[in-house]
Amino acid sequence: MPPRAPPNPSPPADIRARFAAAVRHYEAGRGREAFELCQQVLAIDANHADALQLTGILALQAGNVAVAVDALGRAVARHGNVPDLHN
């Protein structure tokens, strides 16, 4: 019998919940909290298109152009077929 894989510490539901919380914070004007949650999502899934996009938007709003360009560029490079990333 092969060894069992360790349980996934961050299942997709956890990622969805964290990103949904980030969006709620963003919509409530709490950019710092939204940014921190996006970073948590990206620590689990570095290619999460929505978290990359929101990170870019938040960074741009905070005046951090380098972080914004990096995050948005990564989002488009990895998920260029998603129309919302081009707006």
Protein backbone atom coordinates (compact mmCIF):
# COMPACT_ATOMS: atom_id res chain seq x y z
CA MET A 1 0.00 0.00 0.00
CA PRO A 2 1.54 3.38 -1.00
CA PRO A 3 2.04 6.01 1.69
CA ARG A 4 -0.78 8.47 2.11
CA ALA A 5 -0.21 12.01 1.02
CA PRO A 6 -0.34 14.58 3.80
CA PRO A 7 -3.62 16.50 4.02
CA ASN A 8 -3.77 19.67 1.99
CA PRO A 9 -3.37 22.49 4.55
CA SER A 10 -5.04 25.06 2.29
CA PRO A 11 -7.88 23.52 0.33
CA PRO A 12 -9.48 25.50 -2.49
CA ALA A 13 -12.33 26.49 -0.17
CA ASP A 14 -9.82 28.22 2.11
CA ILE A 15 -8.36 30.12 -0.83
CA ARG A 16 -11.84 31.14 -1.98
CA ALA A 17 -12.78 32.28 1.53
CA ARG A 18 -9.60 34.34 1.91
CA PHE A 19 -10.04 35.97 -1.48
CA ALA A 20 -13.72 36.69 -0.80
CA ALA A 21 -12.70 38.36 2.47
CA ALA A 22 -10.09 40.39 0.57
CA VAL A 23 -12.77 41.63 -1.82
CA ARG A 24 -15.06 42.58 1.07
CA HIS A 25 -12.23 44.55 2.68
CA TYR A 26 -11.44 46.24 -0.63
CA GLU A 27 -15.07 47.20 -1.18
CA ALA A 28 -15.21 48.61 2.38
CA GLY A 29 -12.15 50.75 1.75
CA ARG A 30 -9.78 48.65 3.86
CA GLY A 31 -6.98 48.31 1.34
CA ARG A 32 -4.31 47.19 3.79
CA GLU A 33 -6.41 44.28 5.02
CA ALA A 34 -7.35 43.35 1.45
CA PHE A 35 -3.69 43.44 0.40
CA GLU A 36 -2.66 41.22 3.31
CA LEU A 37 -5.32 38.65 2.44
CA CYS A 38 -4.26 38.69 -1.21
CA GLN A 39 -0.70 38.00 -0.09
CA GLN A 40 -1.95 35.03 1.92
CA VAL A 41 -3.76 33.70 -1.15
CA LEU A 42 -0.67 34.20 -3.30
CA ALA A 43 1.48 32.40 -0.74
CA ILE A 44 -0.75 29.38 -1.29
CA ASP A 45 -1.30 29.82 -5.04
CA ALA A 46 1.21 32.18 -6.65
CA ASN A 47 -0.77 32.15 -9.91
CA HIS A 48 -4.19 33.10 -8.51
CA ALA A 49 -5.32 35.51 -11.22
CA ASP A 50 -7.86 37.42 -9.13
CA ALA A 51 -5.47 37.88 -6.21
CA LEU A 52 -2.76 39.07 -8.58
CA GLN A 53 -5.16 41.55 -10.16
CA LEU A 54 -6.44 42.89 -6.84
CA THR A 55 -2.89 43.11 -5.51
CA GLY A 56 -1.98 45.19 -8.56
CA ILE A 57 -4.96 47.49 -8.13
CA LEU A 58 -4.28 47.97 -4.42
CA ALA A 59 -0.59 48.60 -5.00
CA LEU A 60 -1.38 51.19 -7.67
CA GLN A 61 -3.85 52.93 -5.36
CA ALA A 62 -1.17 53.00 -2.66
CA GLY A 63 1.31 54.55 -5.10
CA ASN A 64 3.50 51.46 -5.35
CA VAL A 65 3.78 51.32 -9.11
CA ALA A 66 6.53 48.67 -9.18
CA VAL A 67 4.45 46.18 -7.21
CA ALA A 68 1.38 47.01 -9.31
CA VAL A 69 3.20 46.45 -12.60
CA ASP A 70 4.69 43.20 -11.33
CA ALA A 71 1.39 41.78 -10.05
CA LEU A 72 -0.67 42.84 -13.06
CA GLY A 73 2.04 41.68 -15.44
CA ARG A 74 2.15 38.27 -13.77
CA ALA A 75 -1.64 38.02 -13.94
CA VAL A 76 -1.74 38.77 -17.67
CA ALA A 77 1.28 36.57 -18.44
CA ARG A 78 -0.28 33.57 -16.74
CA HIS A 79 -3.95 34.23 -17.47
CA GLY A 80 -3.98 36.41 -20.59
CA ASN A 81 -7.13 34.73 -21.83
CA VAL A 82 -9.18 36.26 -18.97
CA PRO A 83 -10.83 39.38 -20.47
CA ASP A 84 -11.15 41.23 -17.14
CA LEU A 85 -7.35 41.35 -16.81
CA HIS A 86 -7.18 43.62 -19.85
CA ASN A 87 -9.38 46.34 -18.33
